[in-house]
Every structure is written in C-alpha cells, then in structure tokens.
C-alpha atoms as a PDB file:
ATOM      1  CA  UNK A   1      98.867 132.215 122.697  1.00  0.00           C
ATOM      2  CA  UNK A   2      96.945 135.089 121.163  1.00  0.00           C
ATOM      3  CA  UNK A   3      99.311 135.023 118.218  1.00  0.00           C
ATOM      4  CA  UNK A   4      98.424 131.375 117.491  1.00  0.00           C
ATOM      5  CA  UNK A   5      94.712 132.213 117.700  1.00  0.00           C
ATOM      6  CA  UNK A   6      95.105 135.005 115.174  1.00  0.00           C
ATOM      7  CA  UNK A   7      96.997 132.732 112.816  1.00  0.00           C
ATOM      8  CA  UNK A   8      94.311 130.060 113.128  1.00  0.00           C
ATOM      9  CA  UNK A   9      91.585 132.627 112.444  1.00  0.00           C
ATOM     10  CA  UNK A  10      93.449 133.882 109.364  1.00  0.00           C
ATOM     11  CA  UNK A  11      93.916 130.323 108.104  1.00  0.00           C
ATOM     12  CA  UNK A  12      90.236 129.477 108.602  1.00  0.00           C
ATOM     13  CA  UNK A  13      89.146 132.717 106.952  1.00  0.00           C
ATOM     14  CA  UNK A  14      91.541 132.153 104.021  1.00  0.00           C
ATOM     15  CA  UNK A  15      90.383 128.573 103.448  1.00  0.00           C
ATOM     16  CA  UNK A  16      86.742 129.626 103.559  1.00  0.00           C
ATOM     17  CA  UNK A  17      87.443 132.373 101.040  1.00  0.00           C
ATOM     18  CA  UNK A  18      89.245 129.940  98.715  1.00  0.00           C
ATOM     19  CA  UNK A  19      86.433 127.407  98.965  1.00  0.00           C
ATOM     20  CA  UNK A  20      83.866 130.075  98.124  1.00  0.00           C
ATOM     21  CA  UNK A  21      85.954 131.246  95.170  1.00  0.00           C
ATOM     22  CA  UNK A  22      86.304 127.684  93.859  1.00  0.00           C
ATOM     23  CA  UNK A  23      82.558 127.161  94.130  1.00  0.00           C
ATOM     24  CA  UNK A  24      81.941 130.289  92.058  1.00  0.00           C
ATOM     25  CA  UNK A  25      84.510 129.328  89.421  1.00  0.00           C
ATOM     26  CA  UNK A  26      83.227 125.772  89.003  1.00  0.00           C
ATOM     27  CA  UNK A  27      81.460 125.199  85.677  1.00  0.00           C
ATOM     28  CA  UNK A  28      77.730 124.860  86.050  1.00  0.00           C
ATOM     29  CA  UNK A  29      75.812 122.277  84.033  1.00  0.00           C
ATOM     30  CA  UNK A  30      73.188 123.562  81.613  1.00  0.00           C
ATOM     31  CA  UNK A  31      69.814 123.263  83.198  1.00  0.00           C
ATOM     32  CA  UNK A  32      66.350 123.305  81.656  1.00  0.00           C
ATOM     33  CA  UNK A  33      65.929 127.018  82.283  1.00  0.00           C
ATOM     34  CA  UNK A  34      69.130 127.841  80.402  1.00  0.00           C
ATOM     35  CA  UNK A  35      68.111 125.661  77.464  1.00  0.00           C
ATOM     36  CA  UNK A  36      64.630 127.229  77.457  1.00  0.00           C
ATOM     37  CA  UNK A  37      66.174 130.695  77.567  1.00  0.00           C
ATOM     38  CA  UNK A  38      68.441 129.863  74.619  1.00  0.00           C
ATOM     39  CA  UNK A  39      65.507 128.586  72.566  1.00  0.00           C
ATOM     40  CA  UNK A  40      63.485 131.682  73.427  1.00  0.00           C
ATOM     41  CA  UNK A  41      66.413 133.875  72.365  1.00  0.00           C
ATOM     42  CA  UNK A  42      66.602 132.059  69.015  1.00  0.00           C
ATOM     43  CA  UNK A  43      62.864 132.482  68.495  1.00  0.00           C
ATOM     44  CA  UNK A  44      63.105 136.166  69.413  1.00  0.00           C
ATOM     45  CA  UNK A  45      65.978 136.616  66.972  1.00  0.00           C
ATOM     46  CA  UNK A  46      64.021 134.928  64.180  1.00  0.00           C
ATOM     47  CA  UNK A  47      61.018 137.142  64.865  1.00  0.00           C
ATOM     48  CA  UNK A  48      63.207 140.251  64.923  1.00  0.00           C
ATOM     49  CA  UNK A  49      64.857 139.285  61.633  1.00  0.00           C
ATOM     50  CA  UNK A  50      61.449 138.751  60.020  1.00  0.00           C
ATOM     51  CA  UNK A  51      60.287 142.186  61.220  1.00  0.00           C
ATOM     52  CA  UNK A  52      63.490 143.755  59.926  1.00  0.00           C
ATOM     53  CA  UNK A  53      62.881 142.207  56.484  1.00  0.00           C
ATOM     54  CA  UNK A  54      59.393 143.721  56.419  1.00  0.00           C
ATOM     55  CA  UNK A  55      60.723 147.140  57.417  1.00  0.00           C
ATOM     56  CA  UNK A  56      63.460 146.919  54.808  1.00  0.00           C
ATOM     57  CA  UNK A  57      60.853 146.160  52.154  1.00  0.00           C
ATOM     58  CA  UNK A  58      58.868 149.204  53.253  1.00  0.00           C
ATOM     59  CA  UNK A  59      61.994 151.353  53.058  1.00  0.00           C
ATOM     60  CA  UNK A  60      62.681 150.129  49.525  1.00  0.00           C
ATOM     61  CA  UNK A  61      59.119 150.897  48.434  1.00  0.00           C
ATOM     62  CA  UNK A  62      59.166 154.331  50.100  1.00  0.00           C
ATOM     63  CA  UNK A  63      62.407 155.422  48.455  1.00  0.00           C
ATOM     64  CA  UNK A  64      60.589 155.216  45.114  1.00  0.00           C
ATOM     65  CA  UNK A  65      58.362 158.081  46.254  1.00  0.00           C
ATOM     66  CA  UNK A  66      61.284 160.390  46.976  1.00  0.00           C
ATOM     67  CA  UNK A  67      61.716 162.926  44.165  1.00  0.00           C
ATOM     68  CA  UNK A  68      62.860 161.457  40.890  1.00  0.00           C
ATOM     69  CA  UNK A  69      66.472 161.981  39.995  1.00  0.00           C
ATOM     70  CA  UNK A  70      69.527 161.805  42.173  1.00  0.00           C
ATOM     71  CA  UNK A  71      68.983 164.033  45.184  1.00  0.00           C
ATOM     72  CA  UNK A  72      71.100 163.918  48.342  1.00  0.00           C
ATOM     73  CA  UNK A  73      68.052 162.769  50.316  1.00  0.00           C
ATOM     74  CA  UNK A  74      67.319 159.895  47.941  1.00  0.00           C
ATOM     75  CA  UNK A  75      70.984 158.915  47.931  1.00  0.00           C
ATOM     76  CA  UNK A  76      70.995 158.904  51.751  1.00  0.00           C
ATOM     77  CA  UNK A  77      67.963 156.618  51.819  1.00  0.00           C
ATOM     78  CA  UNK A  78      69.631 154.264  49.337  1.00  0.00           C
ATOM     79  CA  UNK A  79      72.777 154.151  51.475  1.00  0.00           C
ATOM     80  CA  UNK A  80      70.748 153.388  54.584  1.00  0.00           C
ATOM     81  CA  UNK A  81      68.850 150.615  52.805  1.00  0.00           C
ATOM     82  CA  UNK A  82      72.120 149.103  51.654  1.00  0.00           C
ATOM     83  CA  UNK A  83      73.523 149.308  55.184  1.00  0.00           C
ATOM     84  CA  UNK A  84      70.450 147.563  56.631  1.00  0.00           C
ATOM     85  CA  UNK A  85      70.706 144.840  53.967  1.00  0.00           C
ATOM     86  CA  UNK A  86      74.324 144.183  54.934  1.00  0.00           C
ATOM     87  CA  UNK A  87      73.490 144.146  58.628  1.00  0.00           C
ATOM     88  CA  UNK A  88      70.531 141.826  58.125  1.00  0.00           C
ATOM     89  CA  UNK A  89      72.598 139.421  56.022  1.00  0.00           C
ATOM     90  CA  UNK A  90      75.339 139.383  58.656  1.00  0.00           C
ATOM     91  CA  UNK A  91      72.835 138.730  61.464  1.00  0.00           C
ATOM     92  CA  UNK A  92      71.232 135.889  59.508  1.00  0.00           C
ATOM     93  CA  UNK A  93      74.630 134.344  58.803  1.00  0.00           C
ATOM     94  CA  UNK A  94      75.573 134.488  62.490  1.00  0.00           C
ATOM     95  CA  UNK A  95      72.179 133.125  63.546  1.00  0.00           C
ATOM     96  CA  UNK A  96      72.596 130.253  61.087  1.00  0.00           C
ATOM     97  CA  UNK A  97      76.083 129.515  62.400  1.00  0.00           C
ATOM     98  CA  UNK A  98      74.826 129.453  65.990  1.00  0.00           C
ATOM     99  CA  UNK A  99      71.950 127.197  65.008  1.00  0.00           C
ATOM    100  CA  UNK A 100      74.315 124.723  63.329  1.00  0.00           C
ATOM    101  CA  UNK A 101      76.863 124.842  66.166  1.00  0.00           C
ATOM    102  CA  UNK A 102      76.845 121.817  68.488  1.00  0.00           C
ATOM    103  CA  UNK A 103      75.261 122.448  71.868  1.00  0.00           C
ATOM    104  CA  UNK A 104      77.303 121.892  75.002  1.00  0.00           C
END
C-alpha cells in the first residue's frame, strides 16, 4: 500500500512540474508595457545616436588643434574618429532595420 502511495505522489509531483514548465514556456502576448518599453528604447537609442554625432563632431574639431604634421597622437585620434564613424553608421543602419521590421 505504501508503495502505491509513493507512486501516486511521484505522479502528482511530476504532472505539477510539467504543468508549471509548460506555463513558463508558453508564448506571452505583447502587452502595453512591452510596447511602451520598446518605444522608449527606440527613443533612447535615437537620443544616444544624436549625442554621439555631437561628440564625434567635437572630436573632429579638436583633432585640428593637435600639432600640425603627422604625429602618432594625431594619427591615433584620426583612427579613433574613423572607428566611431563606422560604429555610428552601423548602429544607425541596425536601428533603421529594426524600425522598418514588422512588429509581432
């Protein structure tokens, strides 16, 4: 008799565990908070990109004040400006692709 009780307890525990797992794995519909969060993220990204453009412009203006001629320091600044331009372009391209992607 005790053996049957243990088996029943294991079965009940196992089914409860499976039901809980299925509830966690079930896709959740997008709610208003998720949509609001996504819009806020897009606005934050746009603001960040705008700030990055301003900073990049400042970097480009400042490099002109580094000693004339080709010094290692000036060359380093030029490389960093170029890197930031590439990164900014890539971020804008990805942001544009996400903006044009259909929402689910």
